[in-house]
Amino acid sequence: MKHSAIALLLGINALFAAPPENESIAAGPFRLTVPKRLASGIVVEKVASAPLYSAEAWAEKERNPLRQLKPCFSIRPQHWAIRLPKAAPKWYEPDLPSFGDDPTAPQILIHKADEWASIFDDGKVDATAAAKAITSMRSELTLWVKQPVERVGPAYTEGSPAFDCLKKEIKFEGGFGVRGIVQCNSEAELARRGKLHYLFLGLSADGSCQIIATFPLDLPGLPDDSPGATHLGYSTTKDYSKFTMDFDRYEAEVKNWLADNASKFSPKIEVLDAIMASLVVKHWE
C-alpha cells in the first residue's frame, strides 16, 4: 500500500512538473536545443547551392577575365538554415526573406563544406581543391581563436572584421568551433548597434560540414546608426580624418569596453554559446 501511494504521488508530481525549458530543433540530419522562449517563429529550411557564376557567365569570364562578378553573403554552398528571429535584441525587426543575404541575421547555417572551394567560381566541386579548402578552414579556426585575422570565415562579407574579441572555442557533438564578437567595417567606423554581432564558425570532425552562426547584439551604451552618434568620446562626424588616425586606439578601447560589459549583452552570449554547444553535426547527409 505504501509503495502504491508513493507511485501515485510521483505520478501526480510528474503531471504538474514544470515543462522543459528547452526545445529540440531538427534540421535534416542535424539537431540543436534552444530555450523555449527563443523557439517561437523558428524557420528551418534547406537551401540550394548558389555559386557566383552560372555556366554561361563562367564561360564568358574565361573568355574575358575582366567580366568578373561581385559576390555577396548569399553566395554560399547548399546548406540547412535555422532562422531564429526571437534570438535577437528587442529592437531587431526580422525580415525572414532577406536572412539569406544578411551577415548579421540571427541564424545558424550548416553548409556542405566541400562546395566552398568552388562557390565563388562555377560551383563545380574539385576533390583536391575541396580538401585544401577544408584544411585551410580548420587552420583558420585554430588561428582565429588565438588572434584577430584579416578575414573571418569562408563566406563573403563587405569589409574586414573590427573589434574582434571575446574568442572562445566551443565543442559540439561531431566537431568544434570558435565564437567571437565582431563587426565588419569597410572603413573606420564606430562600433554600432545592428552591426556588432556574435559570430560562430565551426567544422565537423570529418570536414563534411561547415557552420556559420550569427546573432546581432545590443549593449547599453552601444550607439545606433545615426550620423551624429558618439561612443567612448569618439565621433565620425566631428573630425573624420582624426578619427581615422585614432581608430587603432579606439578599437582597443572598444575591445576593453566589450570585455568589461560582456555580462550585459542582449541576447546573453552564454545563452548563444549553449545553443552552439548543443549542436549535433556529424556528417553531411
C-alpha atoms as a PDB file:
ATOM      1  CA  MET A   1       0.000   0.000   0.000  1.00  0.00           C
ATOM      2  CA  LYS A   2       2.838   2.311   0.896  1.00  0.00           C
ATOM      3  CA  HIS A   3       4.556   1.673  -2.466  1.00  0.00           C
ATOM      4  CA  SER A   4       1.310   2.379  -4.327  1.00  0.00           C
ATOM      5  CA  ALA A   5       0.903   5.694  -2.520  1.00  0.00           C
ATOM      6  CA  ILE A   6       4.465   6.702  -3.349  1.00  0.00           C
ATOM      7  CA  ALA A   7       3.973   5.777  -7.000  1.00  0.00           C
ATOM      8  CA  LEU A   8       0.747   7.768  -7.099  1.00  0.00           C
ATOM      9  CA  LEU A   9       2.444  10.768  -5.523  1.00  0.00           C
ATOM     10  CA  LEU A  10       5.307  10.581  -8.025  1.00  0.00           C
ATOM     11  CA  GLY A  11       2.812  10.395 -10.852  1.00  0.00           C
ATOM     12  CA  ILE A  12       0.980  13.491  -9.609  1.00  0.00           C
ATOM     13  CA  ASN A  13       4.247  15.389  -9.225  1.00  0.00           C
ATOM     14  CA  ALA A  14       5.252  14.458 -12.773  1.00  0.00           C
ATOM     15  CA  LEU A  15       1.867  15.586 -14.072  1.00  0.00           C
ATOM     16  CA  PHE A  16       2.282  19.042 -12.556  1.00  0.00           C
ATOM     17  CA  ALA A  17       6.030  19.352 -13.071  1.00  0.00           C
ATOM     18  CA  ALA A  18       7.315  22.438 -14.863  1.00  0.00           C
ATOM     19  CA  PRO A  19       7.515  21.975 -18.643  1.00  0.00           C
ATOM     20  CA  PRO A  20      11.012  21.599 -20.113  1.00  0.00           C
ATOM     21  CA  GLU A  21      12.797  24.910 -20.607  1.00  0.00           C
ATOM     22  CA  ASN A  22      14.402  23.878 -23.884  1.00  0.00           C
ATOM     23  CA  GLU A  23      13.117  22.660 -27.210  1.00  0.00           C
ATOM     24  CA  SER A  24      14.891  20.314 -29.602  1.00  0.00           C
ATOM     25  CA  ILE A  25      15.051  21.510 -33.215  1.00  0.00           C
ATOM     26  CA  ALA A  26      15.834  19.237 -36.171  1.00  0.00           C
ATOM     27  CA  ALA A  27      17.265  20.369 -39.499  1.00  0.00           C
ATOM     28  CA  GLY A  28      17.617  17.330 -41.740  1.00  0.00           C
ATOM     29  CA  PRO A  29      20.176  15.076 -40.016  1.00  0.00           C
ATOM     30  CA  PHE A  30      21.256  17.866 -37.662  1.00  0.00           C
ATOM     31  CA  ARG A  31      19.888  18.871 -34.258  1.00  0.00           C
ATOM     32  CA  LEU A  32      20.221  21.568 -31.644  1.00  0.00           C
ATOM     33  CA  THR A  33      18.476  22.724 -28.488  1.00  0.00           C
ATOM     34  CA  VAL A  34      17.149  26.231 -27.893  1.00  0.00           C
ATOM     35  CA  PRO A  35      15.358  27.844 -24.961  1.00  0.00           C
ATOM     36  CA  LYS A  36      11.588  27.676 -25.482  1.00  0.00           C
ATOM     37  CA  ARG A  37      11.324  31.467 -25.269  1.00  0.00           C
ATOM     38  CA  LEU A  38      13.525  31.681 -28.372  1.00  0.00           C
ATOM     39  CA  ALA A  39      11.858  28.822 -30.263  1.00  0.00           C
ATOM     40  CA  SER A  40       8.820  30.808 -31.377  1.00  0.00           C
ATOM     41  CA  GLY A  41       8.924  31.663 -35.059  1.00  0.00           C
ATOM     42  CA  ILE A  42      11.907  29.450 -35.897  1.00  0.00           C
ATOM     43  CA  VAL A  43      12.187  28.650 -39.601  1.00  0.00           C
ATOM     44  CA  VAL A  44      14.152  25.624 -40.786  1.00  0.00           C
ATOM     45  CA  GLU A  45      14.851  25.208 -44.471  1.00  0.00           C
ATOM     46  CA  LYS A  46      17.251  23.531 -46.854  1.00  0.00           C
ATOM     47  CA  VAL A  47      18.783  25.998 -49.294  1.00  0.00           C
ATOM     48  CA  ALA A  48      20.312  25.028 -52.633  1.00  0.00           C
ATOM     49  CA  SER A  49      23.863  25.871 -53.625  1.00  0.00           C
ATOM     50  CA  ALA A  50      24.219  29.397 -55.054  1.00  0.00           C
ATOM     51  CA  PRO A  51      27.518  29.667 -56.996  1.00  0.00           C
ATOM     52  CA  LEU A  52      28.613  33.109 -58.095  1.00  0.00           C
ATOM     53  CA  TYR A  53      28.764  32.204 -61.807  1.00  0.00           C
ATOM     54  CA  SER A  54      26.253  30.404 -63.956  1.00  0.00           C
ATOM     55  CA  ALA A  55      27.716  28.151 -66.666  1.00  0.00           C
ATOM     56  CA  GLU A  56      27.201  30.941 -69.194  1.00  0.00           C
ATOM     57  CA  ALA A  57      28.721  33.652 -67.003  1.00  0.00           C
ATOM     58  CA  TRP A  58      31.712  31.432 -66.206  1.00  0.00           C
ATOM     59  CA  ALA A  59      32.346  30.760 -69.884  1.00  0.00           C
ATOM     60  CA  GLU A  60      32.186  34.500 -70.555  1.00  0.00           C
ATOM     61  CA  LYS A  61      34.678  35.183 -67.735  1.00  0.00           C
ATOM     62  CA  GLU A  62      37.004  32.544 -69.172  1.00  0.00           C
ATOM     63  CA  ARG A  63      36.904  34.389 -72.480  1.00  0.00           C
ATOM     64  CA  ASN A  64      37.210  37.813 -70.882  1.00  0.00           C
ATOM     65  CA  PRO A  65      38.807  37.853 -67.385  1.00  0.00           C
ATOM     66  CA  LEU A  66      37.531  41.404 -66.835  1.00  0.00           C
ATOM     67  CA  ARG A  67      33.939  40.122 -66.723  1.00  0.00           C
ATOM     68  CA  GLN A  68      34.099  39.403 -63.015  1.00  0.00           C
ATOM     69  CA  LEU A  69      31.038  39.338 -60.780  1.00  0.00           C
ATOM     70  CA  LYS A  70      30.972  40.672 -57.238  1.00  0.00           C
ATOM     71  CA  PRO A  71      29.887  38.167 -54.581  1.00  0.00           C
ATOM     72  CA  CYS A  72      27.550  38.776 -51.662  1.00  0.00           C
ATOM     73  CA  PHE A  73      26.772  36.883 -48.467  1.00  0.00           C
ATOM     74  CA  SER A  74      24.105  34.748 -50.160  1.00  0.00           C
ATOM     75  CA  ILE A  75      26.732  33.153 -52.423  1.00  0.00           C
ATOM     76  CA  ARG A  76      27.181  30.015 -50.353  1.00  0.00           C
ATOM     77  CA  PRO A  77      27.094  26.222 -50.702  1.00  0.00           C
ATOM     78  CA  GLN A  78      23.950  24.182 -50.182  1.00  0.00           C
ATOM     79  CA  HIS A  79      23.055  24.327 -46.521  1.00  0.00           C
ATOM     80  CA  TRP A  80      20.480  23.878 -43.814  1.00  0.00           C
ATOM     81  CA  ALA A  81      19.372  27.214 -42.385  1.00  0.00           C
ATOM     82  CA  ILE A  82      17.894  27.610 -38.923  1.00  0.00           C
ATOM     83  CA  ARG A  83      16.474  31.137 -38.584  1.00  0.00           C
ATOM     84  CA  LEU A  84      15.849  32.298 -35.003  1.00  0.00           C
ATOM     85  CA  PRO A  85      14.178  35.729 -35.121  1.00  0.00           C
ATOM     86  CA  LYS A  86      13.484  35.705 -31.361  1.00  0.00           C
ATOM     87  CA  ALA A  87      17.196  35.255 -30.598  1.00  0.00           C
ATOM     88  CA  ALA A  88      17.886  38.925 -31.204  1.00  0.00           C
ATOM     89  CA  PRO A  89      17.557  42.196 -29.260  1.00  0.00           C
ATOM     90  CA  LYS A  90      14.061  43.639 -28.820  1.00  0.00           C
ATOM     91  CA  TRP A  91      14.649  46.405 -31.383  1.00  0.00           C
ATOM     92  CA  TYR A  92      15.506  43.886 -34.096  1.00  0.00           C
ATOM     93  CA  GLU A  93      12.894  43.730 -36.847  1.00  0.00           C
ATOM     94  CA  PRO A  94      13.229  40.372 -38.608  1.00  0.00           C
ATOM     95  CA  ASP A  95      12.824  40.237 -42.359  1.00  0.00           C
ATOM     96  CA  LEU A  96      12.897  36.492 -42.969  1.00  0.00           C
ATOM     97  CA  PRO A  97      13.043  36.695 -46.790  1.00  0.00           C
ATOM     98  CA  SER A  98      16.311  38.677 -46.521  1.00  0.00           C
ATOM     99  CA  PHE A  99      18.008  36.484 -43.888  1.00  0.00           C
ATOM    100  CA  GLY A 100      19.949  34.550 -46.536  1.00  0.00           C
ATOM    101  CA  ASP A 101      21.858  37.654 -47.610  1.00  0.00           C
ATOM    102  CA  ASP A 102      22.231  39.225 -44.164  1.00  0.00           C
ATOM    103  CA  PRO A 103      25.601  38.512 -42.495  1.00  0.00           C
ATOM    104  CA  THR A 104      24.311  39.550 -39.068  1.00  0.00           C
ATOM    105  CA  ALA A 105      20.828  37.940 -39.034  1.00  0.00           C
ATOM    106  CA  PRO A 106      20.034  35.603 -36.094  1.00  0.00           C
ATOM    107  CA  GLN A 107      20.592  32.253 -37.747  1.00  0.00           C
ATOM    108  CA  ILE A 108      22.656  29.075 -37.884  1.00  0.00           C
ATOM    109  CA  LEU A 109      23.812  27.858 -41.308  1.00  0.00           C
ATOM    110  CA  ILE A 110      25.183  24.343 -41.766  1.00  0.00           C
ATOM    111  CA  HIS A 111      26.946  24.073 -45.138  1.00  0.00           C
ATOM    112  CA  LYS A 112      28.228  21.238 -47.301  1.00  0.00           C
ATOM    113  CA  ALA A 113      31.863  22.121 -46.708  1.00  0.00           C
ATOM    114  CA  ASP A 114      33.463  20.800 -49.888  1.00  0.00           C
ATOM    115  CA  GLU A 115      31.433  23.231 -52.016  1.00  0.00           C
ATOM    116  CA  TRP A 116      33.195  26.259 -50.535  1.00  0.00           C
ATOM    117  CA  ALA A 117      36.183  25.596 -52.799  1.00  0.00           C
ATOM    118  CA  SER A 118      34.201  26.390 -55.958  1.00  0.00           C
ATOM    119  CA  ILE A 119      31.274  28.511 -54.788  1.00  0.00           C
ATOM    120  CA  PHE A 120      32.878  31.772 -55.974  1.00  0.00           C
ATOM    121  CA  ASP A 121      33.513  30.197 -59.375  1.00  0.00           C
ATOM    122  CA  ASP A 122      31.142  27.945 -61.300  1.00  0.00           C
ATOM    123  CA  GLY A 123      30.245  25.680 -58.378  1.00  0.00           C
ATOM    124  CA  LYS A 124      31.808  22.529 -59.840  1.00  0.00           C
ATOM    125  CA  VAL A 125      33.420  20.647 -56.986  1.00  0.00           C
ATOM    126  CA  ASP A 126      37.019  19.510 -57.455  1.00  0.00           C
ATOM    127  CA  ALA A 127      38.026  16.958 -54.818  1.00  0.00           C
ATOM    128  CA  THR A 128      41.619  18.191 -54.490  1.00  0.00           C
ATOM    129  CA  ALA A 129      40.622  21.853 -54.183  1.00  0.00           C
ATOM    130  CA  ALA A 130      37.854  20.930 -51.742  1.00  0.00           C
ATOM    131  CA  ALA A 131      40.243  19.046 -49.471  1.00  0.00           C
ATOM    132  CA  LYS A 132      42.636  22.004 -49.451  1.00  0.00           C
ATOM    133  CA  ALA A 133      39.792  24.425 -48.645  1.00  0.00           C
ATOM    134  CA  ILE A 134      38.618  22.325 -45.693  1.00  0.00           C
ATOM    135  CA  THR A 135      42.173  22.058 -44.343  1.00  0.00           C
ATOM    136  CA  SER A 136      42.515  25.820 -44.688  1.00  0.00           C
ATOM    137  CA  MET A 137      39.246  26.470 -42.853  1.00  0.00           C
ATOM    138  CA  ARG A 138      40.378  24.257 -39.994  1.00  0.00           C
ATOM    139  CA  SER A 139      43.729  26.075 -39.784  1.00  0.00           C
ATOM    140  CA  GLU A 140      41.992  29.453 -39.875  1.00  0.00           C
ATOM    141  CA  LEU A 141      39.747  28.443 -36.973  1.00  0.00           C
ATOM    142  CA  THR A 142      42.773  27.431 -34.922  1.00  0.00           C
ATOM    143  CA  LEU A 143      44.404  30.776 -35.708  1.00  0.00           C
ATOM    144  CA  TRP A 144      41.288  32.891 -35.116  1.00  0.00           C
ATOM    145  CA  VAL A 145      40.800  31.632 -31.573  1.00  0.00           C
ATOM    146  CA  LYS A 146      44.289  32.995 -30.794  1.00  0.00           C
ATOM    147  CA  GLN A 147      44.325  36.351 -32.585  1.00  0.00           C
ATOM    148  CA  PRO A 148      42.435  38.737 -34.889  1.00  0.00           C
ATOM    149  CA  VAL A 149      42.667  37.878 -38.580  1.00  0.00           C
ATOM    150  CA  GLU A 150      42.222  39.836 -41.810  1.00  0.00           C
ATOM    151  CA  ARG A 151      39.251  37.761 -42.937  1.00  0.00           C
ATOM    152  CA  VAL A 152      36.859  35.705 -40.835  1.00  0.00           C
ATOM    153  CA  GLY A 153      35.275  32.631 -42.378  1.00  0.00           C
ATOM    154  CA  PRO A 154      34.756  31.465 -45.945  1.00  0.00           C
ATOM    155  CA  ALA A 155      31.581  33.476 -46.656  1.00  0.00           C
ATOM    156  CA  TYR A 156      31.833  36.836 -48.397  1.00  0.00           C
ATOM    157  CA  THR A 157      31.210  39.867 -46.198  1.00  0.00           C
ATOM    158  CA  GLU A 158      31.689  43.519 -47.029  1.00  0.00           C
ATOM    159  CA  GLY A 159      34.690  44.929 -45.186  1.00  0.00           C
ATOM    160  CA  SER A 160      37.039  43.327 -42.679  1.00  0.00           C
ATOM    161  CA  PRO A 161      36.500  42.335 -39.046  1.00  0.00           C
ATOM    162  CA  ALA A 162      36.877  45.021 -36.403  1.00  0.00           C
ATOM    163  CA  PHE A 163      36.536  44.904 -32.588  1.00  0.00           C
ATOM    164  CA  ASP A 164      37.397  41.187 -32.838  1.00  0.00           C
ATOM    165  CA  CYS A 165      37.336  39.961 -29.244  1.00  0.00           C
ATOM    166  CA  LEU A 166      35.954  37.554 -26.630  1.00  0.00           C
ATOM    167  CA  LYS A 167      37.060  34.475 -28.577  1.00  0.00           C
ATOM    168  CA  LYS A 168      36.161  31.078 -27.177  1.00  0.00           C
ATOM    169  CA  GLU A 169      36.420  27.527 -28.516  1.00  0.00           C
ATOM    170  CA  ILE A 170      33.157  25.601 -28.280  1.00  0.00           C
ATOM    171  CA  LYS A 171      32.868  21.861 -28.819  1.00  0.00           C
ATOM    172  CA  PHE A 172      29.655  20.279 -30.045  1.00  0.00           C
ATOM    173  CA  GLU A 173      28.660  16.697 -30.798  1.00  0.00           C
ATOM    174  CA  GLY A 174      30.502  15.974 -34.010  1.00  0.00           C
ATOM    175  CA  GLY A 175      33.005  18.824 -34.139  1.00  0.00           C
ATOM    176  CA  PHE A 176      34.207  22.142 -32.761  1.00  0.00           C
ATOM    177  CA  GLY A 177      34.044  25.849 -33.467  1.00  0.00           C
ATOM    178  CA  VAL A 178      35.072  29.282 -32.293  1.00  0.00           C
ATOM    179  CA  ARG A 179      32.882  32.170 -31.257  1.00  0.00           C
ATOM    180  CA  GLY A 180      33.839  35.814 -31.199  1.00  0.00           C
ATOM    181  CA  ILE A 181      32.325  39.288 -31.187  1.00  0.00           C
ATOM    182  CA  VAL A 182      32.983  41.227 -34.393  1.00  0.00           C
ATOM    183  CA  GLN A 183      31.789  43.972 -36.703  1.00  0.00           C
ATOM    184  CA  CYS A 184      32.628  44.102 -40.403  1.00  0.00           C
ATOM    185  CA  ASN A 185      33.863  47.557 -41.410  1.00  0.00           C
ATOM    186  CA  SER A 186      34.635  48.863 -44.887  1.00  0.00           C
ATOM    187  CA  GLU A 187      36.254  51.926 -43.317  1.00  0.00           C
ATOM    188  CA  ALA A 188      36.946  53.371 -39.887  1.00  0.00           C
ATOM    189  CA  GLU A 189      33.614  53.228 -38.071  1.00  0.00           C
ATOM    190  CA  LEU A 190      32.148  53.275 -34.584  1.00  0.00           C
ATOM    191  CA  ALA A 191      31.002  50.037 -33.022  1.00  0.00           C
ATOM    192  CA  ARG A 192      27.273  50.235 -33.691  1.00  0.00           C
ATOM    193  CA  ARG A 193      24.029  48.560 -32.744  1.00  0.00           C
ATOM    194  CA  GLY A 194      22.874  46.496 -35.699  1.00  0.00           C
ATOM    195  CA  LYS A 195      26.408  45.814 -36.924  1.00  0.00           C
ATOM    196  CA  LEU A 196      28.231  44.393 -33.909  1.00  0.00           C
ATOM    197  CA  HIS A 197      27.382  40.707 -33.709  1.00  0.00           C
ATOM    198  CA  TYR A 198      28.114  37.304 -32.249  1.00  0.00           C
ATOM    199  CA  LEU A 199      29.863  35.078 -34.776  1.00  0.00           C
ATOM    200  CA  PHE A 200      30.414  31.336 -34.519  1.00  0.00           C
ATOM    201  CA  LEU A 201      32.399  29.366 -37.088  1.00  0.00           C
ATOM    202  CA  GLY A 202      32.652  25.593 -36.871  1.00  0.00           C
ATOM    203  CA  LEU A 203      33.587  22.361 -38.652  1.00  0.00           C
ATOM    204  CA  SER A 204      32.501  18.787 -38.188  1.00  0.00           C
ATOM    205  CA  ALA A 205      35.353  16.456 -37.263  1.00  0.00           C
ATOM    206  CA  ASP A 206      35.128  14.700 -40.632  1.00  0.00           C
ATOM    207  CA  GLY A 207      35.272  18.023 -42.511  1.00  0.00           C
ATOM    208  CA  SER A 208      31.982  17.473 -44.352  1.00  0.00           C
ATOM    209  CA  CYS A 209      30.047  20.287 -42.625  1.00  0.00           C
ATOM    210  CA  GLN A 210      30.947  23.938 -42.089  1.00  0.00           C
ATOM    211  CA  ILE A 211      28.884  26.110 -39.759  1.00  0.00           C
ATOM    212  CA  ILE A 212      28.295  29.839 -39.627  1.00  0.00           C
ATOM    213  CA  ALA A 213      26.107  31.275 -36.874  1.00  0.00           C
ATOM    214  CA  THR A 214      25.412  34.989 -36.463  1.00  0.00           C
ATOM    215  CA  PHE A 215      23.355  36.924 -33.931  1.00  0.00           C
ATOM    216  CA  PRO A 216      23.016  40.732 -33.670  1.00  0.00           C
ATOM    217  CA  LEU A 217      23.913  42.075 -30.239  1.00  0.00           C
ATOM    218  CA  ASP A 218      22.939  45.023 -28.108  1.00  0.00           C
ATOM    219  CA  LEU A 219      24.677  46.518 -25.131  1.00  0.00           C
ATOM    220  CA  PRO A 220      23.817  49.587 -23.026  1.00  0.00           C
ATOM    221  CA  GLY A 221      25.840  52.489 -24.406  1.00  0.00           C
ATOM    222  CA  LEU A 222      26.320  50.981 -27.853  1.00  0.00           C
ATOM    223  CA  PRO A 223      25.485  53.743 -30.374  1.00  0.00           C
ATOM    224  CA  ASP A 224      22.887  53.339 -33.102  1.00  0.00           C
ATOM    225  CA  ASP A 225      23.488  54.096 -36.782  1.00  0.00           C
ATOM    226  CA  SER A 226      22.683  57.815 -36.579  1.00  0.00           C
ATOM    227  CA  PRO A 227      25.426  60.012 -38.125  1.00  0.00           C
ATOM    228  CA  GLY A 228      25.861  62.151 -35.024  1.00  0.00           C
ATOM    229  CA  ALA A 229      26.319  59.261 -32.611  1.00  0.00           C
ATOM    230  CA  THR A 230      29.333  59.217 -30.311  1.00  0.00           C
ATOM    231  CA  HIS A 231      30.990  56.376 -28.426  1.00  0.00           C
ATOM    232  CA  LEU A 232      33.625  56.438 -25.716  1.00  0.00           C
ATOM    233  CA  GLY A 233      34.236  60.074 -26.606  1.00  0.00           C
ATOM    234  CA  TYR A 234      34.804  59.356 -30.307  1.00  0.00           C
ATOM    235  CA  SER A 235      32.781  60.610 -33.268  1.00  0.00           C
ATOM    236  CA  THR A 236      32.858  60.043 -37.031  1.00  0.00           C
ATOM    237  CA  THR A 237      31.327  63.436 -37.826  1.00  0.00           C
ATOM    238  CA  LYS A 238      33.353  65.987 -35.847  1.00  0.00           C
ATOM    239  CA  ASP A 239      36.688  65.246 -37.498  1.00  0.00           C
ATOM    240  CA  TYR A 240      36.668  62.023 -39.510  1.00  0.00           C
ATOM    241  CA  SER A 241      40.320  62.283 -40.534  1.00  0.00           C
ATOM    242  CA  LYS A 242      41.299  62.455 -36.865  1.00  0.00           C
ATOM    243  CA  PHE A 243      39.006  59.525 -36.048  1.00  0.00           C
ATOM    244  CA  THR A 244      40.671  57.519 -38.819  1.00  0.00           C
ATOM    245  CA  MET A 245      44.099  58.243 -37.373  1.00  0.00           C
ATOM    246  CA  ASP A 246      42.863  57.381 -33.873  1.00  0.00           C
ATOM    247  CA  PHE A 247      40.973  54.236 -34.931  1.00  0.00           C
ATOM    248  CA  ASP A 248      43.529  51.731 -33.607  1.00  0.00           C
ATOM    249  CA  ARG A 249      43.312  53.335 -30.180  1.00  0.00           C
ATOM    250  CA  TYR A 250      39.507  53.465 -30.359  1.00  0.00           C
ATOM    251  CA  GLU A 251      39.324  49.799 -31.395  1.00  0.00           C
ATOM    252  CA  ALA A 252      41.499  48.798 -28.425  1.00  0.00           C
ATOM    253  CA  GLU A 253      39.248  50.791 -26.086  1.00  0.00           C
ATOM    254  CA  VAL A 254      36.151  49.155 -27.573  1.00  0.00           C
ATOM    255  CA  LYS A 255      37.564  45.673 -27.006  1.00  0.00           C
ATOM    256  CA  ASN A 256      38.241  46.513 -23.359  1.00  0.00           C
ATOM    257  CA  TRP A 257      34.763  48.024 -23.028  1.00  0.00           C
ATOM    258  CA  LEU A 258      33.136  44.926 -24.522  1.00  0.00           C
ATOM    259  CA  ALA A 259      35.105  42.637 -22.222  1.00  0.00           C
ATOM    260  CA  ASP A 260      34.178  44.725 -19.169  1.00  0.00           C
ATOM    261  CA  ASN A 261      30.483  44.672 -20.120  1.00  0.00           C
ATOM    262  CA  ALA A 262      30.195  41.150 -21.527  1.00  0.00           C
ATOM    263  CA  SER A 263      27.581  40.195 -18.917  1.00  0.00           C
ATOM    264  CA  LYS A 264      25.233  42.913 -20.234  1.00  0.00           C
ATOM    265  CA  PHE A 265      24.906  41.695 -23.814  1.00  0.00           C
ATOM    266  CA  SER A 266      21.467  41.099 -25.217  1.00  0.00           C
ATOM    267  CA  PRO A 267      20.962  38.293 -26.022  1.00  0.00           C
ATOM    268  CA  LYS A 268      23.244  36.777 -23.415  1.00  0.00           C
ATOM    269  CA  ILE A 269      26.326  35.324 -25.057  1.00  0.00           C
ATOM    270  CA  GLU A 270      26.193  32.427 -22.577  1.00  0.00           C
ATOM    271  CA  VAL A 271      22.768  31.509 -23.984  1.00  0.00           C
ATOM    272  CA  LEU A 272      24.095  31.648 -27.546  1.00  0.00           C
ATOM    273  CA  ASP A 273      27.132  29.580 -26.519  1.00  0.00           C
ATOM    274  CA  ALA A 274      24.826  26.943 -25.032  1.00  0.00           C
ATOM    275  CA  ILE A 275      22.849  26.770 -28.281  1.00  0.00           C
ATOM    276  CA  MET A 276      26.039  26.229 -30.272  1.00  0.00           C
ATOM    277  CA  ALA A 277      27.321  23.622 -27.803  1.00  0.00           C
ATOM    278  CA  SER A 278      24.019  21.732 -28.209  1.00  0.00           C
ATOM    279  CA  LEU A 279      24.584  21.206 -31.944  1.00  0.00           C
ATOM    280  CA  VAL A 280      24.712  17.670 -33.279  1.00  0.00           C
ATOM    281  CA  VAL A 281      26.539  17.945 -36.624  1.00  0.00           C
ATOM    282  CA  LYS A 282      28.469  14.813 -37.502  1.00  0.00           C
ATOM    283  CA  HIS A 283      28.291  14.315 -41.268  1.00  0.00           C
ATOM    284  CA  TRP A 284      26.648  15.868 -44.318  1.00  0.00           C
ATOM    285  CA  GLU A 285      23.622  13.882 -45.469  1.00  0.00           C
END
